[in-house]
Amino acid sequence: MKKGKHILGISFLFAAGLFLISADHIDAPAVQGGTSDITDFYAFQGENSNNMVFVANVQGLLSPSATAGASFDESVMIEFNIDNDGDFVEDLVIQAVPRNGKMYILGPVAPRETGLSSTLTAESSKDVTSVKITSYGEEAVTTTKRGISAFAGPRDDPFFFDFAQYSAIIAGEASGFNNPGSDTFAGTNVLSVVVEVPKSMIGGSGTINTWVESKRKQ
């Protein structure tokens, strides 16, 4: 697999109440509108404070009619990268691979290689969690294995941003955002992959750096 999207990344200090986000809507020309286009990356402490949740959204700006026919690209792997020793190199990866109506979650495990190219990391079926991909309009389907919970399917785009006002500010035509602003992404959907893992599997305490990539099979 080779990288097909530039990185979205954040740092996370394990503590109650932290919620961090990185967003990248409609500003990556090489993949804009494609099946590997990442719109959002979220990382936050789970409702169970012993867990961490990682969320990657792809294929943004889907209208309800387009969402009904949208699907994860089986040639694209979504890879959550976790650096738990502060050197900004992934020590662990969680890989999400769609196949035949299911999303297969591999890891978290040490990667066989680091950087822009990746290979699948599961040594055996025990390292793999699978979940049926929820269809548009269907009640959310989740699964849990080895303490890892997963979801994959369409969701309403959770990101709020007044893109028109932002453009006016950049152009010098406005001095700031309005309150309330206009939600550019209201009424649009994304395809979402959500993975919740025990902190003990990814370092357990202290600070982690985490980022997400989409990588296309070559």
C-alpha atoms as a PDB file:
ATOM      1  CA  MET A   1       0.000   0.000   0.000  1.00  0.00           C
ATOM      2  CA  LYS A   2       1.254   3.513  -0.801  1.00  0.00           C
ATOM      3  CA  LYS A   3       0.192   6.786   0.715  1.00  0.00           C
ATOM      4  CA  GLY A   4      -2.619   8.489  -1.184  1.00  0.00           C
ATOM      5  CA  LYS A   5      -3.357  11.407   1.116  1.00  0.00           C
ATOM      6  CA  HIS A   6      -1.334  13.878   3.135  1.00  0.00           C
ATOM      7  CA  ILE A   7      -1.259  13.347   6.878  1.00  0.00           C
ATOM      8  CA  LEU A   8      -3.680  14.677   9.459  1.00  0.00           C
ATOM      9  CA  GLY A   9      -2.118  14.495  12.906  1.00  0.00           C
ATOM     10  CA  ILE A  10      -2.475  15.596  16.534  1.00  0.00           C
ATOM     11  CA  SER A  11      -0.883  15.074  19.913  1.00  0.00           C
ATOM     12  CA  PHE A  12      -2.905  13.708  22.805  1.00  0.00           C
ATOM     13  CA  LEU A  13      -2.155  13.840  26.512  1.00  0.00           C
ATOM     14  CA  PHE A  14      -4.115  11.200  28.406  1.00  0.00           C
ATOM     15  CA  ALA A  15      -6.462  13.167  30.654  1.00  0.00           C
ATOM     16  CA  ALA A  16     -10.176  13.380  31.272  1.00  0.00           C
ATOM     17  CA  GLY A  17     -12.142  15.761  29.089  1.00  0.00           C
ATOM     18  CA  LEU A  18      -9.720  16.216  26.202  1.00  0.00           C
ATOM     19  CA  PHE A  19     -11.117  16.095  22.680  1.00  0.00           C
ATOM     20  CA  LEU A  20      -8.891  16.868  19.724  1.00  0.00           C
ATOM     21  CA  ILE A  21      -9.654  17.190  16.040  1.00  0.00           C
ATOM     22  CA  SER A  22      -7.880  17.732  12.767  1.00  0.00           C
ATOM     23  CA  ALA A  23      -9.953  18.624   9.692  1.00  0.00           C
ATOM     24  CA  ASP A  24      -9.127  18.900   6.012  1.00  0.00           C
ATOM     25  CA  HIS A  25     -12.209  19.545   3.880  1.00  0.00           C
ATOM     26  CA  ILE A  26     -11.970  20.318   0.162  1.00  0.00           C
ATOM     27  CA  ASP A  27      -8.374  21.576   0.167  1.00  0.00           C
ATOM     28  CA  ALA A  28      -6.274  18.659  -1.136  1.00  0.00           C
ATOM     29  CA  PRO A  29      -6.414  18.903  -4.948  1.00  0.00           C
ATOM     30  CA  ALA A  30      -4.688  15.574  -5.604  1.00  0.00           C
ATOM     31  CA  VAL A  31      -7.469  13.593  -3.928  1.00  0.00           C
ATOM     32  CA  GLN A  32     -10.367  16.053  -3.666  1.00  0.00           C
ATOM     33  CA  GLY A  33     -13.615  14.256  -4.308  1.00  0.00           C
ATOM     34  CA  GLY A  34     -11.887  10.879  -4.452  1.00  0.00           C
ATOM     35  CA  THR A  35     -12.420   7.785  -2.350  1.00  0.00           C
ATOM     36  CA  SER A  36      -9.161   8.329  -0.424  1.00  0.00           C
ATOM     37  CA  ASP A  37      -9.940  11.922   0.583  1.00  0.00           C
ATOM     38  CA  ILE A  38      -9.827  12.277   4.388  1.00  0.00           C
ATOM     39  CA  THR A  39     -12.121  15.017   5.735  1.00  0.00           C
ATOM     40  CA  ASP A  40     -11.700  14.664   9.516  1.00  0.00           C
ATOM     41  CA  PHE A  41      -9.611  12.937  12.141  1.00  0.00           C
ATOM     42  CA  TYR A  42     -10.739  12.786  15.760  1.00  0.00           C
ATOM     43  CA  ALA A  43      -9.035  11.288  18.811  1.00  0.00           C
ATOM     44  CA  PHE A  44     -10.592  11.401  22.258  1.00  0.00           C
ATOM     45  CA  GLN A  45     -10.964   9.547  25.503  1.00  0.00           C
ATOM     46  CA  GLY A  46     -13.856   7.101  25.456  1.00  0.00           C
ATOM     47  CA  GLU A  47     -16.862   7.071  27.744  1.00  0.00           C
ATOM     48  CA  ASN A  48     -14.858   4.351  29.443  1.00  0.00           C
ATOM     49  CA  SER A  49     -11.886   6.450  30.567  1.00  0.00           C
ATOM     50  CA  ASN A  50      -9.590   3.453  30.091  1.00  0.00           C
ATOM     51  CA  ASN A  51     -10.172   3.596  26.323  1.00  0.00           C
ATOM     52  CA  MET A  52      -9.166   5.818  23.422  1.00  0.00           C
ATOM     53  CA  VAL A  53     -11.344   6.434  20.369  1.00  0.00           C
ATOM     54  CA  PHE A  54      -9.977   7.104  16.872  1.00  0.00           C
ATOM     55  CA  VAL A  55     -12.262   8.349  14.085  1.00  0.00           C
ATOM     56  CA  ALA A  56     -11.426   8.887  10.413  1.00  0.00           C
ATOM     57  CA  ASN A  57     -13.955  10.301   7.972  1.00  0.00           C
ATOM     58  CA  VAL A  58     -13.549  10.046   4.203  1.00  0.00           C
ATOM     59  CA  GLN A  59     -15.435  11.024   1.039  1.00  0.00           C
ATOM     60  CA  GLY A  60     -16.903  14.256   2.330  1.00  0.00           C
ATOM     61  CA  LEU A  61     -19.686  16.466   0.959  1.00  0.00           C
ATOM     62  CA  LEU A  62     -21.916  13.479   0.171  1.00  0.00           C
ATOM     63  CA  SER A  63     -25.523  14.484  -0.388  1.00  0.00           C
ATOM     64  CA  PRO A  64     -28.188  12.132   0.990  1.00  0.00           C
ATOM     65  CA  SER A  65     -28.847  10.822  -2.520  1.00  0.00           C
ATOM     66  CA  ALA A  66     -25.127  10.263  -3.152  1.00  0.00           C
ATOM     67  CA  THR A  67     -24.660   8.638   0.254  1.00  0.00           C
ATOM     68  CA  ALA A  68     -27.070   5.840  -0.608  1.00  0.00           C
ATOM     69  CA  GLY A  69     -24.673   4.587  -3.297  1.00  0.00           C
ATOM     70  CA  ALA A  70     -21.381   5.495  -1.638  1.00  0.00           C
ATOM     71  CA  SER A  71     -19.015   2.779  -0.459  1.00  0.00           C
ATOM     72  CA  PHE A  72     -15.542   2.370   0.948  1.00  0.00           C
ATOM     73  CA  ASP A  73     -12.932   1.785  -1.741  1.00  0.00           C
ATOM     74  CA  GLU A  74     -11.486  -1.717  -1.375  1.00  0.00           C
ATOM     75  CA  SER A  75      -8.203  -0.420  -2.824  1.00  0.00           C
ATOM     76  CA  VAL A  76      -7.826   2.133  -0.015  1.00  0.00           C
ATOM     77  CA  MET A  77      -6.606   1.337   3.496  1.00  0.00           C
ATOM     78  CA  ILE A  78      -7.137   3.798   6.351  1.00  0.00           C
ATOM     79  CA  GLU A  79      -4.203   3.714   8.765  1.00  0.00           C
ATOM     80  CA  PHE A  80      -4.198   5.236  12.252  1.00  0.00           C
ATOM     81  CA  ASN A  81      -0.609   5.832  13.354  1.00  0.00           C
ATOM     82  CA  ILE A  82       0.411   6.047  17.019  1.00  0.00           C
ATOM     83  CA  ASP A  83       3.752   7.358  18.296  1.00  0.00           C
ATOM     84  CA  ASN A  84       4.057   6.664  22.020  1.00  0.00           C
ATOM     85  CA  ASP A  85       7.728   7.573  22.607  1.00  0.00           C
ATOM     86  CA  GLY A  86       7.816  11.108  21.197  1.00  0.00           C
ATOM     87  CA  ASP A  87      10.033  10.560  18.146  1.00  0.00           C
ATOM     88  CA  PHE A  88       7.230  11.231  15.624  1.00  0.00           C
ATOM     89  CA  VAL A  89       7.633   7.791  14.073  1.00  0.00           C
ATOM     90  CA  GLU A  90       4.756   5.348  14.358  1.00  0.00           C
ATOM     91  CA  ASP A  91       5.289   2.657  17.006  1.00  0.00           C
ATOM     92  CA  LEU A  92       1.856   1.142  16.472  1.00  0.00           C
ATOM     93  CA  VAL A  93      -0.695   1.156  13.680  1.00  0.00           C
ATOM     94  CA  ILE A  94      -4.375   0.365  13.403  1.00  0.00           C
ATOM     95  CA  GLN A  95      -5.314  -0.485   9.829  1.00  0.00           C
ATOM     96  CA  ALA A  96      -8.864  -0.466   8.460  1.00  0.00           C
ATOM     97  CA  VAL A  97      -9.423  -2.453   5.259  1.00  0.00           C
ATOM     98  CA  PRO A  98     -12.845  -2.875   3.568  1.00  0.00           C
ATOM     99  CA  ARG A  99     -13.703  -6.195   1.929  1.00  0.00           C
ATOM    100  CA  ASN A 100     -17.041  -7.592   0.749  1.00  0.00           C
ATOM    101  CA  GLY A 101     -19.277  -5.505   2.973  1.00  0.00           C
ATOM    102  CA  LYS A 102     -17.109  -5.691   6.088  1.00  0.00           C
ATOM    103  CA  MET A 103     -14.419  -3.460   7.575  1.00  0.00           C
ATOM    104  CA  TYR A 104     -11.450  -5.399   8.908  1.00  0.00           C
ATOM    105  CA  ILE A 105      -9.545  -3.699  11.722  1.00  0.00           C
ATOM    106  CA  LEU A 106      -5.941  -4.894  12.098  1.00  0.00           C
ATOM    107  CA  GLY A 107      -3.967  -4.099  15.235  1.00  0.00           C
ATOM    108  CA  PRO A 108      -2.941  -2.123  17.132  1.00  0.00           C
ATOM    109  CA  VAL A 109       0.373  -3.768  16.345  1.00  0.00           C
ATOM    110  CA  ALA A 110       3.917  -2.660  15.529  1.00  0.00           C
ATOM    111  CA  PRO A 111       4.198  -1.861  11.806  1.00  0.00           C
ATOM    112  CA  ARG A 112       6.383  -3.960   9.558  1.00  0.00           C
ATOM    113  CA  GLU A 113       7.640  -0.716   8.012  1.00  0.00           C
ATOM    114  CA  THR A 114       7.243   2.970   8.791  1.00  0.00           C
ATOM    115  CA  GLY A 115       6.689   5.974   6.584  1.00  0.00           C
ATOM    116  CA  LEU A 116       4.737   6.399   3.376  1.00  0.00           C
ATOM    117  CA  SER A 117       4.437   2.743   2.366  1.00  0.00           C
ATOM    118  CA  SER A 118       2.721   0.065   4.449  1.00  0.00           C
ATOM    119  CA  THR A 119       1.980  -3.619   4.445  1.00  0.00           C
ATOM    120  CA  LEU A 120      -0.824  -5.334   6.317  1.00  0.00           C
ATOM    121  CA  THR A 121       0.278  -6.040   9.871  1.00  0.00           C
ATOM    122  CA  ALA A 122      -1.876  -8.863  11.254  1.00  0.00           C
ATOM    123  CA  GLU A 123       0.135 -11.931  12.208  1.00  0.00           C
ATOM    124  CA  SER A 124      -2.989 -14.040  12.753  1.00  0.00           C
ATOM    125  CA  SER A 125      -6.770 -13.777  12.988  1.00  0.00           C
ATOM    126  CA  LYS A 126      -6.454 -12.849  16.674  1.00  0.00           C
ATOM    127  CA  ASP A 127      -5.110  -9.449  15.583  1.00  0.00           C
ATOM    128  CA  VAL A 128      -8.190  -8.763  13.423  1.00  0.00           C
ATOM    129  CA  THR A 129     -11.567  -7.315  14.398  1.00  0.00           C
ATOM    130  CA  SER A 130     -14.266  -7.175  11.723  1.00  0.00           C
ATOM    131  CA  VAL A 131     -17.554  -5.304  11.576  1.00  0.00           C
ATOM    132  CA  LYS A 132     -20.331  -5.276   8.999  1.00  0.00           C
ATOM    133  CA  ILE A 133     -20.334  -1.940   7.193  1.00  0.00           C
ATOM    134  CA  THR A 134     -23.543  -0.133   8.117  1.00  0.00           C
ATOM    135  CA  SER A 135     -25.629   0.740   5.072  1.00  0.00           C
ATOM    136  CA  TYR A 136     -27.149   4.193   4.591  1.00  0.00           C
ATOM    137  CA  GLY A 137     -30.322   4.482   6.667  1.00  0.00           C
ATOM    138  CA  GLU A 138     -29.567   1.310   8.629  1.00  0.00           C
ATOM    139  CA  GLU A 139     -29.258   1.277  12.403  1.00  0.00           C
ATOM    140  CA  ALA A 140     -25.585   1.474  13.369  1.00  0.00           C
ATOM    141  CA  VAL A 141     -23.816  -1.896  13.475  1.00  0.00           C
ATOM    142  CA  THR A 142     -20.900  -2.262  15.885  1.00  0.00           C
ATOM    143  CA  THR A 143     -18.748  -5.148  17.053  1.00  0.00           C
ATOM    144  CA  THR A 144     -16.339  -5.760  19.923  1.00  0.00           C
ATOM    145  CA  LYS A 145     -13.424  -8.201  20.060  1.00  0.00           C
ATOM    146  CA  ARG A 146     -10.390  -8.279  22.383  1.00  0.00           C
ATOM    147  CA  GLY A 147     -11.744  -5.138  24.035  1.00  0.00           C
ATOM    148  CA  ILE A 148     -11.658  -3.322  20.657  1.00  0.00           C
ATOM    149  CA  SER A 149     -14.932  -1.868  19.359  1.00  0.00           C
ATOM    150  CA  ALA A 150     -15.478  -0.799  15.749  1.00  0.00           C
ATOM    151  CA  PHE A 151     -17.987   0.883  13.453  1.00  0.00           C
ATOM    152  CA  ALA A 152     -17.848   1.656   9.736  1.00  0.00           C
ATOM    153  CA  GLY A 153     -20.454   3.361   7.595  1.00  0.00           C
ATOM    154  CA  PRO A 154     -22.089   6.664   6.625  1.00  0.00           C
ATOM    155  CA  ARG A 155     -22.624   9.385   9.222  1.00  0.00           C
ATOM    156  CA  ASP A 156     -23.693  13.014   9.149  1.00  0.00           C
ATOM    157  CA  ASP A 157     -20.626  15.236   8.738  1.00  0.00           C
ATOM    158  CA  PRO A 158     -19.885  16.380  12.324  1.00  0.00           C
ATOM    159  CA  PHE A 159     -17.558  19.231  11.404  1.00  0.00           C
ATOM    160  CA  PHE A 160     -18.905  22.805  11.704  1.00  0.00           C
ATOM    161  CA  PHE A 161     -17.246  25.479   9.598  1.00  0.00           C
ATOM    162  CA  ASP A 162     -18.436  28.646   7.880  1.00  0.00           C
ATOM    163  CA  PHE A 163     -16.373  28.319   4.719  1.00  0.00           C
ATOM    164  CA  ALA A 164     -17.877  31.337   2.952  1.00  0.00           C
ATOM    165  CA  GLN A 165     -17.103  33.609   5.891  1.00  0.00           C
ATOM    166  CA  TYR A 166     -13.613  32.154   6.146  1.00  0.00           C
ATOM    167  CA  SER A 167     -13.049  32.962   2.470  1.00  0.00           C
ATOM    168  CA  ALA A 168     -14.278  36.517   3.060  1.00  0.00           C
ATOM    169  CA  ILE A 169     -11.843  36.936   5.975  1.00  0.00           C
ATOM    170  CA  ILE A 170      -8.921  35.653   3.876  1.00  0.00           C
ATOM    171  CA  ALA A 171      -9.899  38.048   1.081  1.00  0.00           C
ATOM    172  CA  GLY A 172      -9.979  40.989   3.515  1.00  0.00           C
ATOM    173  CA  GLU A 173     -13.718  41.439   3.068  1.00  0.00           C
ATOM    174  CA  ALA A 174     -14.638  40.550   6.660  1.00  0.00           C
ATOM    175  CA  SER A 175     -12.933  41.010  10.021  1.00  0.00           C
ATOM    176  CA  GLY A 176     -14.169  37.874  11.762  1.00  0.00           C
ATOM    177  CA  PHE A 177     -16.701  35.079  11.991  1.00  0.00           C
ATOM    178  CA  ASN A 178     -20.383  35.625  12.657  1.00  0.00           C
ATOM    179  CA  ASN A 179     -22.149  34.278  15.742  1.00  0.00           C
ATOM    180  CA  PRO A 180     -23.922  32.126  14.810  1.00  0.00           C
ATOM    181  CA  GLY A 181     -22.194  31.293  11.579  1.00  0.00           C
ATOM    182  CA  SER A 182     -23.448  29.276   8.645  1.00  0.00           C
ATOM    183  CA  ASP A 183     -22.556  25.565   8.640  1.00  0.00           C
ATOM    184  CA  THR A 184     -21.128  24.868   5.200  1.00  0.00           C
ATOM    185  CA  PHE A 185     -21.332  21.125   5.737  1.00  0.00           C
ATOM    186  CA  ALA A 186     -24.917  20.954   7.031  1.00  0.00           C
ATOM    187  CA  GLY A 187     -26.895  18.261   5.263  1.00  0.00           C
ATOM    188  CA  THR A 188     -23.826  16.445   3.933  1.00  0.00           C
ATOM    189  CA  ASN A 189     -22.457  13.081   4.957  1.00  0.00           C
ATOM    190  CA  VAL A 190     -19.157  11.211   5.224  1.00  0.00           C
ATOM    191  CA  LEU A 191     -18.069   7.597   5.407  1.00  0.00           C
ATOM    192  CA  SER A 192     -16.727   7.021   8.898  1.00  0.00           C
ATOM    193  CA  VAL A 193     -14.442   4.474  10.556  1.00  0.00           C
ATOM    194  CA  VAL A 194     -14.498   4.447  14.375  1.00  0.00           C
ATOM    195  CA  VAL A 195     -12.170   2.305  16.478  1.00  0.00           C
ATOM    196  CA  GLU A 196     -12.150   2.275  20.288  1.00  0.00           C
ATOM    197  CA  VAL A 197      -9.187   0.567  21.947  1.00  0.00           C
ATOM    198  CA  PRO A 198      -7.964   0.099  25.526  1.00  0.00           C
ATOM    199  CA  LYS A 199      -5.229   2.571  26.436  1.00  0.00           C
ATOM    200  CA  SER A 200      -3.200  -0.385  27.668  1.00  0.00           C
ATOM    201  CA  MET A 201      -2.827  -1.484  24.030  1.00  0.00           C
ATOM    202  CA  ILE A 202      -1.298   1.803  22.876  1.00  0.00           C
ATOM    203  CA  GLY A 203       0.887   2.983  25.743  1.00  0.00           C
ATOM    204  CA  GLY A 204      -1.479   3.457  28.633  1.00  0.00           C
ATOM    205  CA  SER A 205      -0.340   6.840  29.979  1.00  0.00           C
ATOM    206  CA  GLY A 206       1.532  10.025  29.091  1.00  0.00           C
ATOM    207  CA  THR A 207       1.422  11.673  25.664  1.00  0.00           C
ATOM    208  CA  ILE A 208       0.914  10.099  22.265  1.00  0.00           C
ATOM    209  CA  ASN A 209       1.206  11.622  18.817  1.00  0.00           C
ATOM    210  CA  THR A 210      -1.374  10.256  16.424  1.00  0.00           C
ATOM    211  CA  TRP A 211      -2.172  10.811  12.765  1.00  0.00           C
ATOM    212  CA  VAL A 212      -4.186   9.149  10.032  1.00  0.00           C
ATOM    213  CA  GLU A 213      -3.357   8.347   6.431  1.00  0.00           C
ATOM    214  CA  SER A 214      -5.211   6.830   3.522  1.00  0.00           C
ATOM    215  CA  LYS A 215      -3.067   4.504   1.431  1.00  0.00           C
ATOM    216  CA  ARG A 216      -3.976   3.132  -1.966  1.00  0.00           C
ATOM    217  CA  LYS A 217      -3.050  -0.361  -3.032  1.00  0.00           C
ATOM    218  CA  GLN A 218      -0.366  -0.436  -5.735  1.00  0.00           C
END
